[in-house]
Amino acid sequence: MAPQLRVFVPPHPLIQHWLGVSRDADTPSTLFRSAMTELGRWLTYEAVRDWLPTLETTVETPLASCPATFINPEVPVVIVPILRAGLALMEGAQSLLPLASIYHIGFVRDEETLEPTCYLNKLPASFDPQTRVLISEPMLATGGTIMAMMKELTARGADPSMVRIISVVTAPAALQKLADAYPELNIYAATIDEGLNSQGFIVPGLGDAGDRTFGT
């Protein structure tokens, strides 16, 4: 059976609560950052459920031996926040994956053409094919930035089936592009919105996640 893009919208009340807080135009920047951190935490929790490699072993409790399961430290785990808005989700993700390596990449979108330009790339020269890569990107709108991100990752040997994306608000345009190009991907989002406006912003969305996070 051919792979098919999987988009998960976890029905978790905490995810829905913090989504509501982040959507509200009256939410101040400090509270918006808290909402992004919490969404990063809970979306990551859902994303790593069957994704992290584990080891089966035995430990000694104070009373007896018993089976134990640990995360395999020999398999690399990487978090890549897409600058700058992706930093908003990273704190929550990193709290659950404290040993993960963090690599930064930055894109800026031309507001006329809607095409992304990479202005910072700190990705390694290559990835082990078994590397687990978690991308944090609050908005998947036109799909231009996330497609450019995936091109950079796969050019360095990352396996799309080992990549997971956490995003707060997604739109069908971006999801369709990803489905066509990288059907092995798994995406964890707080919601899928109805579409985009003429400027390429998600509607109803939550505005500019980067500006609201950093108060600019």
Protein backbone atom coordinates (compact mmCIF):
# COMPACT_ATOMS: atom_id res chain seq x y z
CA MET A 1 0.00 0.00 0.00
CA ALA A 2 1.35 3.41 -0.97
CA PRO A 3 2.11 5.78 1.92
CA GLN A 4 -0.39 8.54 2.60
CA LEU A 5 0.13 11.76 4.54
CA ARG A 6 -1.31 11.48 8.04
CA VAL A 7 -2.56 14.60 9.81
CA PHE A 8 -3.49 14.17 13.46
CA VAL A 9 -5.65 16.71 15.30
CA PRO A 10 -5.58 15.39 18.88
CA PRO A 11 -8.92 15.86 20.68
CA HIS A 12 -7.17 16.91 23.87
CA PRO A 13 -8.92 19.58 25.97
CA LEU A 14 -5.63 21.28 26.88
CA ILE A 15 -4.70 21.60 23.20
CA GLN A 16 -8.11 23.06 22.41
CA HIS A 17 -7.91 25.44 25.38
CA TRP A 18 -4.52 26.86 24.40
CA LEU A 19 -5.59 27.04 20.76
CA GLY A 20 -8.49 29.25 21.85
CA VAL A 21 -6.15 31.46 23.87
CA SER A 22 -3.77 31.83 20.92
CA ARG A 23 -6.57 32.70 18.49
CA ASP A 24 -7.99 35.50 20.63
CA ALA A 25 -6.84 38.87 19.27
CA ASP A 26 -7.02 40.30 22.82
CA THR A 27 -4.46 37.82 24.18
CA PRO A 28 -1.34 39.80 25.21
CA SER A 29 2.08 38.75 23.95
CA THR A 30 3.15 37.25 27.29
CA LEU A 31 0.10 34.98 27.45
CA PHE A 32 0.40 34.17 23.75
CA ARG A 33 3.94 32.90 24.38
CA SER A 34 2.63 30.72 27.20
CA ALA A 35 -0.03 29.33 24.87
CA MET A 36 2.60 28.51 22.24
CA THR A 37 4.80 26.79 24.82
CA GLU A 38 1.91 24.65 26.02
CA LEU A 39 0.84 23.79 22.48
CA GLY A 40 4.44 22.83 21.70
CA ARG A 41 4.48 20.59 24.76
CA TRP A 42 1.18 18.79 24.16
CA LEU A 43 1.58 18.43 20.39
CA THR A 44 5.05 16.98 20.94
CA TYR A 45 3.64 14.58 23.53
CA GLU A 46 1.22 13.29 20.89
CA ALA A 47 3.83 13.25 18.11
CA VAL A 48 6.41 11.11 19.94
CA ARG A 49 3.96 8.51 21.22
CA ASP A 50 5.00 5.75 18.77
CA TRP A 51 8.03 7.49 17.29
CA LEU A 52 10.83 7.39 19.82
CA PRO A 53 13.03 4.25 19.66
CA THR A 54 13.08 2.21 22.85
CA LEU A 55 15.17 -0.45 24.56
CA GLU A 56 13.83 -3.33 26.64
CA THR A 57 15.88 -4.25 29.69
CA THR A 58 15.61 -5.22 33.35
CA VAL A 59 16.04 -3.10 36.47
CA GLU A 60 16.23 -3.90 40.14
CA THR A 61 13.53 -2.30 42.27
CA PRO A 62 14.04 -2.21 46.07
CA LEU A 63 12.15 -5.54 46.14
CA ALA A 64 12.77 -7.49 42.94
CA SER A 65 13.79 -7.53 39.30
CA CYS A 66 11.31 -6.28 36.72
CA PRO A 67 11.17 -5.42 33.01
CA ALA A 68 11.84 -1.79 32.05
CA THR A 69 11.60 0.24 28.86
CA PHE A 70 13.93 3.14 28.12
CA ILE A 71 14.36 5.53 25.21
CA ASN A 72 17.29 4.37 23.10
CA PRO A 73 20.00 7.05 23.47
CA GLU A 74 21.92 5.79 20.44
CA VAL A 75 19.27 6.88 17.92
CA PRO A 76 19.62 10.63 17.20
CA VAL A 77 16.65 12.90 17.93
CA VAL A 78 16.63 16.40 16.45
CA ILE A 79 14.35 19.43 16.85
CA VAL A 80 14.35 22.00 14.03
CA PRO A 81 12.40 25.19 14.76
CA ILE A 82 11.75 27.21 11.62
CA LEU A 83 12.74 30.77 12.52
CA ARG A 84 11.41 32.75 13.81
CA ALA A 85 7.91 31.60 14.74
CA GLY A 86 9.03 28.01 15.27
CA LEU A 87 10.93 29.13 18.36
CA ALA A 88 7.57 29.69 20.04
CA LEU A 89 6.82 25.94 20.04
CA MET A 90 10.38 24.81 20.71
CA GLU A 91 10.43 25.42 24.48
CA GLY A 92 7.50 23.06 25.01
CA ALA A 93 8.98 20.47 22.65
CA GLN A 94 12.41 20.65 24.27
CA SER A 95 10.94 20.14 27.73
CA LEU A 96 9.88 16.66 26.61
CA LEU A 97 13.00 15.94 24.55
CA PRO A 98 15.78 17.47 26.66
CA LEU A 99 18.53 15.43 25.02
CA ALA A 100 17.53 16.33 21.45
CA SER A 101 19.94 18.31 19.31
CA ILE A 102 18.58 21.69 18.14
CA TYR A 103 19.30 22.95 14.64
CA HIS A 104 18.05 26.31 13.39
CA ILE A 105 16.91 27.36 9.95
CA GLY A 106 15.30 30.66 9.01
CA PHE A 107 13.02 31.64 6.14
CA VAL A 108 11.46 34.98 5.25
CA ARG A 109 8.43 35.14 2.96
CA ASP A 110 8.11 37.70 0.17
CA GLU A 111 4.67 39.17 0.82
CA GLU A 112 4.11 39.80 -2.90
CA THR A 113 5.17 36.47 -4.39
CA LEU A 114 4.60 34.48 -1.16
CA GLU A 115 7.84 32.62 -1.91
CA PRO A 116 10.27 31.86 0.96
CA THR A 117 13.93 32.82 1.04
CA CYS A 118 16.35 31.09 3.41
CA TYR A 119 18.44 33.58 5.40
CA LEU A 120 19.97 31.18 7.97
CA ASN A 121 20.80 27.50 7.69
CA LYS A 122 22.52 25.73 10.59
CA LEU A 123 21.55 22.20 9.56
CA PRO A 124 24.34 19.61 9.62
CA ALA A 125 25.90 18.43 6.38
CA SER A 126 24.14 15.08 6.65
CA PHE A 127 21.68 13.12 8.79
CA ASP A 128 21.75 9.47 9.73
CA PRO A 129 18.69 7.93 7.99
CA GLN A 130 17.43 6.76 11.39
CA THR A 131 17.47 10.29 12.85
CA ARG A 132 14.13 11.37 14.25
CA VAL A 133 13.45 14.97 13.16
CA LEU A 134 10.75 17.08 14.82
CA ILE A 135 9.95 20.32 12.95
CA SER A 136 8.24 23.10 14.90
CA GLU A 137 6.29 25.52 12.70
CA PRO A 138 3.14 27.19 14.12
CA MET A 139 1.54 27.91 10.73
CA LEU A 140 1.31 25.74 7.60
CA ALA A 141 -0.35 28.15 5.19
CA THR A 142 0.66 28.24 1.52
CA GLY A 143 3.18 25.45 2.07
CA GLY A 144 6.13 27.29 0.56
CA THR A 145 8.26 27.41 3.70
CA ILE A 146 7.63 23.86 4.88
CA MET A 147 8.34 22.54 1.37
CA ALA A 148 11.64 24.42 1.34
CA MET A 149 12.37 22.99 4.79
CA MET A 150 11.71 19.43 3.64
CA LYS A 151 13.93 19.94 0.58
CA GLU A 152 16.82 20.97 2.84
CA LEU A 153 16.29 17.99 5.15
CA THR A 154 15.99 15.34 2.46
CA ALA A 155 19.01 16.75 0.61
CA ARG A 156 20.97 15.91 3.76
CA GLY A 157 19.71 12.34 3.99
CA ALA A 158 16.76 12.75 6.37
CA ASP A 159 14.08 10.11 5.85
CA PRO A 160 10.62 11.76 5.51
CA SER A 161 9.06 8.79 7.32
CA MET A 162 11.16 9.71 10.36
CA VAL A 163 10.08 13.37 10.25
CA ARG A 164 7.20 14.73 12.30
CA ILE A 165 5.81 18.24 12.14
CA ILE A 166 4.06 20.02 14.99
CA SER A 167 1.94 22.98 13.95
CA VAL A 168 -0.81 25.00 15.59
CA VAL A 169 -2.92 26.05 12.60
CA THR A 170 -2.79 24.39 9.19
CA ALA A 171 -4.50 25.01 5.86
CA PRO A 172 -5.45 22.62 3.06
CA ALA A 173 -3.07 24.26 0.56
CA ALA A 174 0.04 23.35 2.56
CA LEU A 175 -1.25 19.91 3.47
CA GLN A 176 -1.93 19.08 -0.18
CA LYS A 177 1.60 20.08 -1.24
CA LEU A 178 3.11 17.94 1.50
CA ALA A 179 0.83 15.02 0.65
CA ASP A 180 1.90 15.12 -3.00
CA ALA A 181 5.64 15.41 -2.31
CA TYR A 182 6.16 13.65 1.02
CA PRO A 183 3.30 11.22 1.69
CA GLU A 184 5.34 9.46 4.41
CA LEU A 185 5.09 12.49 6.70
CA ASN A 186 3.11 12.69 9.94
CA ILE A 187 1.74 16.06 11.06
CA TYR A 188 0.34 16.92 14.49
CA ALA A 189 -1.79 20.06 14.52
CA ALA A 190 -4.18 21.79 16.86
CA THR A 191 -6.57 22.47 13.97
CA ILE A 192 -7.08 22.52 10.21
CA ASP A 193 -8.61 25.82 9.12
CA GLU A 194 -10.78 26.47 6.11
CA GLY A 195 -8.32 28.25 3.83
CA LEU A 196 -6.26 31.33 3.00
CA ASN A 197 -7.02 34.96 2.26
CA SER A 198 -5.60 36.91 -0.69
CA GLN A 199 -2.41 37.66 1.30
CA GLY A 200 -1.77 33.98 1.98
CA PHE A 201 -2.74 34.13 5.68
CA ILE A 202 -4.76 31.34 7.25
CA VAL A 203 -8.42 32.18 7.99
CA PRO A 204 -9.59 32.32 10.74
CA GLY A 205 -6.03 31.50 11.84
CA LEU A 206 -4.37 33.39 14.68
CA GLY A 207 -2.55 36.23 12.95
CA ASP A 208 1.23 36.42 12.60
CA ALA A 209 2.58 33.92 15.13
CA GLY A 210 6.06 35.43 15.09
CA ASP A 211 4.88 39.01 15.68
CA ARG A 212 2.50 37.94 18.43
CA THR A 213 5.14 35.81 20.15
CA PHE A 214 7.83 38.47 20.18
CA GLY A 215 5.60 41.54 20.53
CA THR A 216 6.74 43.13 17.27
